Amino acid sequence: MALRVFVLIAAVGGALSTWLPWRIMDHTVRDGWQAGGVVSFGAFCIAVLCGAYRPVWFVRIALFVLGMVAIIGAAKTVGEIGAIQRGLATSSEAAARREVALYRVGTGAWLVIAASIGLIFSAFLWKLPKPGARVAPLPKARLVR
């Protein structure tokens, strides 16, 4: 049960970090929707469904694949910013070398990478139900009066 809650938290956190800044380029901030995070968002939405579903054999595979898809989407952004920084740092002009600090990876991309790593590790820890065992459903929400 605790692993299912962790999967749900990681997937929802990764999906919400799509709206955080992914690229900070010369005082221009781009979130995940503008920086290619749509694929990661879709992967996290499917991971939420997998975490809410009862444990079956394909959930382990799905969590691993979805975590890899999401991490590739964020790693692409990190690689692009790194290439821009390396290109500016090796420039012969002093003004270009000073602009290296203006190109950064935002917190949204780093949070997506962290949530993706959490999904990948949880795929290995996901326990399959024993044959004939009854699977406990998620607890029902209660109204507080």
N, C-alpha and C. Protein backbone atom coordinates (compact mmCIF):
# COMPACT_ATOMS: atom_id res chain seq x y z
N MET A 1 0.82 -1.19 0.00
CA MET A 1 0.00 0.00 0.00
C MET A 1 0.87 1.25 0.00
N ALA A 2 1.95 1.25 0.76
CA ALA A 2 2.81 2.42 0.83
C ALA A 2 3.48 2.68 -0.52
N LEU A 3 3.81 1.62 -1.23
CA LEU A 3 4.43 1.79 -2.54
C LEU A 3 3.44 2.38 -3.54
N ARG A 4 2.20 1.99 -3.46
CA ARG A 4 1.19 2.57 -4.35
C ARG A 4 1.02 4.06 -4.08
N VAL A 5 1.05 4.45 -2.82
CA VAL A 5 0.95 5.87 -2.47
C VAL A 5 2.17 6.62 -2.98
N PHE A 6 3.36 6.01 -2.86
CA PHE A 6 4.57 6.64 -3.37
C PHE A 6 4.50 6.82 -4.89
N VAL A 7 4.00 5.81 -5.59
CA VAL A 7 3.86 5.90 -7.05
C VAL A 7 2.89 7.01 -7.41
N LEU A 8 1.79 7.09 -6.69
CA LEU A 8 0.81 8.14 -6.97
C LEU A 8 1.39 9.53 -6.71
N ILE A 9 2.13 9.69 -5.62
CA ILE A 9 2.73 10.99 -5.30
C ILE A 9 3.78 11.36 -6.33
N ALA A 10 4.62 10.41 -6.71
CA ALA A 10 5.66 10.69 -7.71
C ALA A 10 5.04 11.03 -9.06
N ALA A 11 4.00 10.32 -9.44
CA ALA A 11 3.38 10.57 -10.74
C ALA A 11 2.64 11.91 -10.76
N VAL A 12 1.93 12.22 -9.71
CA VAL A 12 1.22 13.51 -9.66
C VAL A 12 2.22 14.65 -9.56
N GLY A 13 3.27 14.48 -8.76
CA GLY A 13 4.31 15.51 -8.66
C GLY A 13 5.03 15.74 -9.98
N GLY A 14 5.31 14.66 -10.69
CA GLY A 14 5.95 14.80 -11.99
C GLY A 14 5.04 15.47 -13.01
N ALA A 15 3.76 15.14 -12.96
CA ALA A 15 2.82 15.78 -13.89
C ALA A 15 2.65 17.26 -13.57
N LEU A 16 2.60 17.61 -12.30
CA LEU A 16 2.46 19.02 -11.92
C LEU A 16 3.71 19.83 -12.23
N SER A 17 4.86 19.20 -12.23
CA SER A 17 6.08 19.94 -12.52
C SER A 17 6.21 20.29 -14.00
N THR A 18 5.27 19.87 -14.81
CA THR A 18 5.25 20.30 -16.21
C THR A 18 4.97 21.79 -16.31
N TRP A 19 4.27 22.34 -15.34
CA TRP A 19 3.96 23.76 -15.36
C TRP A 19 5.04 24.61 -14.70
N LEU A 20 6.06 24.00 -14.15
CA LEU A 20 7.18 24.76 -13.59
C LEU A 20 8.19 25.08 -14.69
N PRO A 21 9.11 26.01 -14.45
CA PRO A 21 10.09 26.35 -15.50
C PRO A 21 11.03 25.19 -15.81
N TRP A 22 11.20 24.91 -17.10
CA TRP A 22 12.13 23.89 -17.56
C TRP A 22 13.38 24.52 -18.14
N ARG A 23 13.21 25.60 -18.86
CA ARG A 23 14.34 26.29 -19.49
C ARG A 23 14.32 27.75 -19.08
N ILE A 24 15.46 28.25 -18.69
CA ILE A 24 15.62 29.68 -18.43
C ILE A 24 16.70 30.14 -19.38
N MET A 25 16.27 30.86 -20.42
CA MET A 25 17.20 31.25 -21.48
C MET A 25 17.15 32.76 -21.67
N ASP A 26 18.17 33.44 -21.18
CA ASP A 26 18.32 34.88 -21.38
C ASP A 26 17.06 35.62 -20.93
N HIS A 27 16.67 35.41 -19.68
CA HIS A 27 15.51 36.04 -19.05
C HIS A 27 14.19 35.61 -19.66
N THR A 28 14.16 34.54 -20.44
CA THR A 28 12.94 33.96 -20.98
C THR A 28 12.74 32.61 -20.31
N VAL A 29 11.61 32.46 -19.66
CA VAL A 29 11.32 31.23 -18.94
C VAL A 29 10.31 30.42 -19.76
N ARG A 30 10.64 29.14 -19.96
CA ARG A 30 9.73 28.24 -20.68
C ARG A 30 9.38 27.08 -19.77
N ASP A 31 8.09 26.79 -19.72
CA ASP A 31 7.67 25.65 -18.89
C ASP A 31 7.71 24.38 -19.72
N GLY A 32 7.23 23.28 -19.12
CA GLY A 32 7.29 22.00 -19.79
C GLY A 32 6.45 21.91 -21.05
N TRP A 33 5.37 22.68 -21.12
CA TRP A 33 4.53 22.65 -22.31
C TRP A 33 5.26 23.24 -23.51
N GLN A 34 6.12 24.21 -23.28
CA GLN A 34 6.86 24.83 -24.37
C GLN A 34 8.20 24.18 -24.60
N ALA A 35 8.67 23.38 -23.66
CA ALA A 35 10.01 22.80 -23.76
C ALA A 35 9.99 21.30 -24.04
N GLY A 36 8.90 20.76 -24.50
CA GLY A 36 8.86 19.35 -24.85
C GLY A 36 8.45 18.44 -23.71
N GLY A 37 7.78 18.95 -22.70
CA GLY A 37 7.38 18.14 -21.56
C GLY A 37 6.02 17.49 -21.72
N VAL A 38 5.41 17.62 -22.88
CA VAL A 38 4.09 17.03 -23.10
C VAL A 38 4.18 15.51 -23.03
N VAL A 39 5.25 14.94 -23.53
CA VAL A 39 5.43 13.49 -23.48
C VAL A 39 5.59 13.03 -22.03
N SER A 40 6.36 13.78 -21.25
CA SER A 40 6.53 13.43 -19.84
C SER A 40 5.21 13.55 -19.09
N PHE A 41 4.43 14.58 -19.40
CA PHE A 41 3.14 14.76 -18.75
C PHE A 41 2.22 13.58 -19.05
N GLY A 42 2.18 13.15 -20.30
CA GLY A 42 1.36 12.00 -20.67
C GLY A 42 1.80 10.72 -19.96
N ALA A 43 3.12 10.55 -19.85
CA ALA A 43 3.64 9.37 -19.16
C ALA A 43 3.27 9.38 -17.69
N PHE A 44 3.33 10.54 -17.06
CA PHE A 44 2.95 10.62 -15.65
C PHE A 44 1.46 10.42 -15.44
N CYS A 45 0.64 10.89 -16.37
CA CYS A 45 -0.81 10.67 -16.26
C CYS A 45 -1.14 9.18 -16.34
N ILE A 46 -0.48 8.47 -17.22
CA ILE A 46 -0.69 7.02 -17.32
C ILE A 46 -0.15 6.32 -16.08
N ALA A 47 0.96 6.84 -15.51
CA ALA A 47 1.51 6.25 -14.29
C ALA A 47 0.56 6.43 -13.11
N VAL A 48 -0.19 7.53 -13.08
CA VAL A 48 -1.20 7.71 -12.03
C VAL A 48 -2.25 6.60 -12.13
N LEU A 49 -2.68 6.31 -13.35
CA LEU A 49 -3.66 5.24 -13.54
C LEU A 49 -3.09 3.89 -13.14
N CYS A 50 -1.82 3.65 -13.44
CA CYS A 50 -1.19 2.38 -13.05
C CYS A 50 -1.06 2.27 -11.53
N GLY A 51 -0.75 3.38 -10.87
CA GLY A 51 -0.64 3.35 -9.42
C GLY A 51 -1.97 3.15 -8.72
N ALA A 52 -3.03 3.64 -9.33
CA ALA A 52 -4.36 3.49 -8.73
C ALA A 52 -4.96 2.12 -9.03
N TYR A 53 -4.43 1.43 -10.03
CA TYR A 53 -4.95 0.14 -10.43
C TYR A 53 -4.41 -0.94 -9.50
N ARG A 54 -5.13 -2.01 -9.38
CA ARG A 54 -4.67 -3.10 -8.51
C ARG A 54 -3.41 -3.73 -9.09
N PRO A 55 -2.55 -4.29 -8.26
CA PRO A 55 -1.28 -4.82 -8.75
C PRO A 55 -1.45 -6.06 -9.62
N VAL A 56 -1.10 -5.94 -10.87
CA VAL A 56 -1.07 -7.05 -11.80
C VAL A 56 0.31 -7.08 -12.44
N TRP A 57 0.57 -8.08 -13.23
CA TRP A 57 1.92 -8.30 -13.74
C TRP A 57 2.40 -7.18 -14.64
N PHE A 58 1.54 -6.55 -15.41
CA PHE A 58 2.01 -5.57 -16.38
C PHE A 58 2.26 -4.19 -15.79
N VAL A 59 1.85 -3.95 -14.53
CA VAL A 59 2.07 -2.65 -13.92
C VAL A 59 3.56 -2.40 -13.71
N ARG A 60 4.31 -3.43 -13.38
CA ARG A 60 5.76 -3.27 -13.21
C ARG A 60 6.41 -2.81 -14.51
N ILE A 61 6.04 -3.45 -15.59
CA ILE A 61 6.61 -3.10 -16.89
C ILE A 61 6.16 -1.69 -17.29
N ALA A 62 4.89 -1.39 -17.06
CA ALA A 62 4.37 -0.08 -17.44
C ALA A 62 5.05 1.04 -16.65
N LEU A 63 5.26 0.85 -15.35
CA LEU A 63 5.93 1.88 -14.56
C LEU A 63 7.36 2.10 -15.02
N PHE A 64 8.05 1.02 -15.35
CA PHE A 64 9.43 1.15 -15.82
C PHE A 64 9.47 1.90 -17.15
N VAL A 65 8.63 1.51 -18.09
CA VAL A 65 8.62 2.16 -19.41
C VAL A 65 8.20 3.62 -19.30
N LEU A 66 7.17 3.90 -18.50
CA LEU A 66 6.71 5.27 -18.34
C LEU A 66 7.76 6.14 -17.66
N GLY A 67 8.46 5.59 -16.68
CA GLY A 67 9.55 6.34 -16.05
C GLY A 67 10.67 6.65 -17.02
N MET A 68 10.99 5.69 -17.88
CA MET A 68 12.04 5.93 -18.88
C MET A 68 11.61 6.97 -19.91
N VAL A 69 10.36 6.93 -20.34
CA VAL A 69 9.86 7.93 -21.30
C VAL A 69 9.91 9.32 -20.69
N ALA A 70 9.47 9.45 -19.44
CA ALA A 70 9.46 10.75 -18.79
C ALA A 70 10.87 11.28 -18.57
N ILE A 71 11.81 10.41 -18.20
CA ILE A 71 13.17 10.87 -17.95
C ILE A 71 13.86 11.26 -19.26
N ILE A 72 13.51 10.61 -20.35
CA ILE A 72 14.10 10.98 -21.64
C ILE A 72 13.61 12.36 -22.06
N GLY A 73 12.34 12.67 -21.81
CA GLY A 73 11.82 13.99 -22.14
C GLY A 73 12.52 15.10 -21.40
N ALA A 74 12.80 14.89 -20.12
CA ALA A 74 13.48 15.93 -19.33
C ALA A 74 14.98 15.94 -19.62
N ALA A 75 15.57 14.78 -19.87
CA ALA A 75 17.01 14.73 -20.16
C ALA A 75 17.33 15.41 -21.49
N LYS A 76 16.38 15.41 -22.41
CA LYS A 76 16.57 16.12 -23.68
C LYS A 76 16.74 17.62 -23.42
N THR A 77 15.92 18.16 -22.54
CA THR A 77 16.02 19.58 -22.20
C THR A 77 17.33 19.88 -21.49
N VAL A 78 17.73 19.03 -20.56
CA VAL A 78 19.00 19.23 -19.85
C VAL A 78 20.17 19.16 -20.83
N GLY A 79 20.13 18.25 -21.79
CA GLY A 79 21.18 18.13 -22.79
C GLY A 79 21.26 19.34 -23.70
N GLU A 80 20.10 19.89 -24.09
CA GLU A 80 20.10 21.06 -24.95
C GLU A 80 20.69 22.28 -24.25
N ILE A 81 20.32 22.49 -23.00
CA ILE A 81 20.87 23.62 -22.25
C ILE A 81 22.36 23.41 -22.02
N GLY A 82 22.79 22.19 -21.75
CA GLY A 82 24.21 21.90 -21.59
C GLY A 82 25.00 22.18 -22.85
N ALA A 83 24.43 21.84 -24.01
CA ALA A 83 25.10 22.11 -25.28
C ALA A 83 25.23 23.61 -25.54
N ILE A 84 24.19 24.35 -25.20
CA ILE A 84 24.26 25.81 -25.36
C ILE A 84 25.32 26.40 -24.43
N GLN A 85 25.36 25.93 -23.19
CA GLN A 85 26.35 26.43 -22.24
C GLN A 85 27.77 26.09 -22.68
N ARG A 86 27.98 24.87 -23.18
CA ARG A 86 29.33 24.51 -23.65
C ARG A 86 29.73 25.34 -24.86
N GLY A 87 28.77 25.61 -25.76
CA GLY A 87 29.07 26.42 -26.94
C GLY A 87 29.44 27.84 -26.57
N LEU A 88 28.73 28.41 -25.60
CA LEU A 88 29.05 29.77 -25.18
C LEU A 88 30.33 29.83 -24.37
N ALA A 89 30.60 28.82 -23.57
CA ALA A 89 31.80 28.83 -22.73
C ALA A 89 33.07 28.71 -23.56
N THR A 90 33.01 28.05 -24.70
CA THR A 90 34.21 27.89 -25.52
C THR A 90 34.33 28.97 -26.59
N SER A 91 33.45 29.96 -26.54
CA SER A 91 33.50 31.05 -27.52
C SER A 91 34.72 31.94 -27.27
N SER A 92 35.19 32.57 -28.32
CA SER A 92 36.36 33.44 -28.17
C SER A 92 35.97 34.84 -27.68
N GLU A 93 34.70 35.16 -27.70
CA GLU A 93 34.25 36.48 -27.26
C GLU A 93 33.94 36.45 -25.76
N ALA A 94 34.36 37.50 -25.07
CA ALA A 94 34.15 37.58 -23.63
C ALA A 94 32.67 37.77 -23.30
N ALA A 95 31.94 38.49 -24.15
CA ALA A 95 30.52 38.71 -23.89
C ALA A 95 29.74 37.40 -23.96
N ALA A 96 30.10 36.53 -24.88
CA ALA A 96 29.42 35.24 -24.99
C ALA A 96 29.72 34.36 -23.78
N ARG A 97 30.95 34.42 -23.28
CA ARG A 97 31.29 33.61 -22.11
C ARG A 97 30.56 34.09 -20.86
N ARG A 98 30.26 35.38 -20.78
CA ARG A 98 29.50 35.90 -19.64
C ARG A 98 28.03 35.47 -19.70
N GLU A 99 27.52 35.18 -20.88
CA GLU A 99 26.12 34.80 -21.03
C GLU A 99 25.85 33.35 -20.64
N VAL A 100 26.87 32.60 -20.30
CA VAL A 100 26.67 31.20 -19.91
C VAL A 100 25.74 31.10 -18.70
N ALA A 101 25.86 32.05 -17.79
CA ALA A 101 25.02 32.03 -16.58
C ALA A 101 23.56 32.33 -16.87
N LEU A 102 23.26 32.90 -18.03
CA LEU A 102 21.88 33.24 -18.36
C LEU A 102 21.09 32.03 -18.87
N TYR A 103 21.76 30.95 -19.23
CA TYR A 103 21.11 29.74 -19.76
C TYR A 103 21.17 28.66 -18.69
N ARG A 104 20.01 28.35 -18.11
CA ARG A 104 19.96 27.37 -17.02
C ARG A 104 18.81 26.40 -17.22
N VAL A 105 18.91 25.26 -16.56
CA VAL A 105 17.83 24.28 -16.53
C VAL A 105 16.95 24.63 -15.34
N GLY A 106 15.64 24.70 -15.56
CA GLY A 106 14.72 25.08 -14.50
C GLY A 106 14.42 23.94 -13.54
N THR A 107 13.73 24.28 -12.47
CA THR A 107 13.41 23.29 -11.44
C THR A 107 12.43 22.23 -11.94
N GLY A 108 11.58 22.58 -12.88
CA GLY A 108 10.61 21.61 -13.37
C GLY A 108 11.27 20.40 -14.00
N ALA A 109 12.32 20.63 -14.79
CA ALA A 109 13.01 19.51 -15.44
C ALA A 109 13.70 18.62 -14.41
N TRP A 110 14.28 19.24 -13.38
CA TRP A 110 14.95 18.43 -12.34
C TRP A 110 13.93 17.63 -11.54
N LEU A 111 12.75 18.21 -11.27
CA LEU A 111 11.72 17.47 -10.54
C LEU A 111 11.16 16.32 -11.37
N VAL A 112 11.05 16.51 -12.67
CA VAL A 112 10.60 15.41 -13.54
C VAL A 112 11.61 14.27 -13.52
N ILE A 113 12.88 14.60 -13.55
CA ILE A 113 13.92 13.57 -13.50
C ILE A 113 13.84 12.81 -12.17
N ALA A 114 13.66 13.53 -11.06
CA ALA A 114 13.57 12.88 -9.75
C ALA A 114 12.32 11.99 -9.66
N ALA A 115 11.19 12.48 -10.15
CA ALA A 115 9.97 11.67 -10.12
C ALA A 115 10.09 10.46 -11.03
N SER A 116 10.77 10.61 -12.16
CA SER A 116 10.97 9.48 -13.07
C SER A 116 11.84 8.41 -12.44
N ILE A 117 12.89 8.83 -11.75
CA ILE A 117 13.75 7.86 -11.07
C ILE A 117 12.95 7.13 -9.98
N GLY A 118 12.06 7.85 -9.30
CA GLY A 118 11.19 7.22 -8.32
C GLY A 118 10.28 6.18 -8.93
N LEU A 119 9.74 6.48 -10.12
CA LEU A 119 8.89 5.49 -10.80
C LEU A 119 9.68 4.27 -11.23
N ILE A 120 10.90 4.50 -11.72
CA ILE A 120 11.73 3.37 -12.18
C ILE A 120 12.08 2.46 -11.01
N PHE A 121 12.47 3.03 -9.87
CA PHE A 121 12.79 2.21 -8.71
C PHE A 121 11.56 1.51 -8.14
N SER A 122 10.42 2.19 -8.18
CA SER A 122 9.21 1.55 -7.65
C SER A 122 8.75 0.41 -8.55
N ALA A 123 9.11 0.44 -9.83
CA ALA A 123 8.76 -0.68 -10.70
C ALA A 123 9.47 -1.95 -10.27
N PHE A 124 10.69 -1.81 -9.75
CA PHE A 124 11.41 -2.99 -9.28
C PHE A 124 10.91 -3.46 -7.92
N LEU A 125 10.32 -2.57 -7.14
CA LEU A 125 9.83 -2.93 -5.81
C LEU A 125 8.36 -3.34 -5.80
N TRP A 126 7.68 -3.18 -6.93
CA TRP A 126 6.25 -3.49 -7.01
C TRP A 126 6.04 -4.98 -6.80
N LYS A 127 5.25 -5.34 -5.82
CA LYS A 127 5.02 -6.76 -5.50
C LYS A 127 3.75 -7.23 -6.20
N LEU A 128 3.86 -8.39 -6.76
CA LEU A 128 2.71 -9.01 -7.39
C LEU A 128 1.88 -9.73 -6.33
N PRO A 129 0.57 -9.77 -6.50
CA PRO A 129 -0.24 -10.48 -5.53
C PRO A 129 0.01 -11.99 -5.62
N LYS A 130 -0.09 -12.64 -4.49
CA LYS A 130 0.05 -14.09 -4.47
C LYS A 130 -1.20 -14.71 -5.07
N PRO A 131 -1.05 -15.84 -5.72
CA PRO A 131 -2.23 -16.48 -6.31
C PRO A 131 -3.29 -16.77 -5.26
N GLY A 132 -4.51 -16.33 -5.51
CA GLY A 132 -5.60 -16.55 -4.59
C GLY A 132 -5.72 -15.50 -3.51
N ALA A 133 -4.75 -14.57 -3.42
CA ALA A 133 -4.81 -13.53 -2.39
C ALA A 133 -5.75 -12.42 -2.83
N ARG A 134 -6.39 -11.84 -1.86
CA ARG A 134 -7.31 -10.74 -2.15
C ARG A 134 -6.54 -9.43 -2.09
N VAL A 135 -6.72 -8.57 -3.09
CA VAL A 135 -6.01 -7.30 -3.16
C VAL A 135 -6.83 -6.23 -2.48
N ALA A 136 -6.21 -5.50 -1.58
CA ALA A 136 -6.91 -4.44 -0.86
C ALA A 136 -7.06 -3.21 -1.77
N PRO A 137 -8.26 -2.68 -1.88
CA PRO A 137 -8.45 -1.49 -2.70
C PRO A 137 -7.92 -0.25 -1.98
N LEU A 138 -7.81 0.84 -2.71
CA LEU A 138 -7.41 2.11 -2.09
C LEU A 138 -8.50 2.52 -1.10
N PRO A 139 -8.12 3.20 -0.01
CA PRO A 139 -9.15 3.61 0.95
C PRO A 139 -10.10 4.63 0.33
N LYS A 140 -11.36 4.55 0.75
CA LYS A 140 -12.36 5.48 0.23
C LYS A 140 -12.24 6.82 0.95
N ALA A 141 -12.55 7.87 0.23
CA ALA A 141 -12.52 9.21 0.81
C ALA A 141 -13.70 9.38 1.76
N ARG A 142 -13.48 10.09 2.86
CA ARG A 142 -14.52 10.35 3.83
C ARG A 142 -14.76 11.84 3.91
N LEU A 143 -15.99 12.20 4.08
CA LEU A 143 -16.33 13.60 4.27
C LEU A 143 -16.13 13.96 5.74
N VAL A 144 -15.51 15.09 5.97
CA VAL A 144 -15.28 15.53 7.34
C VAL A 144 -16.33 16.60 7.66
N ARG A 145 -16.99 16.41 8.77
CA ARG A 145 -18.04 17.38 9.14
C ARG A 145 -17.61 18.21 10.28
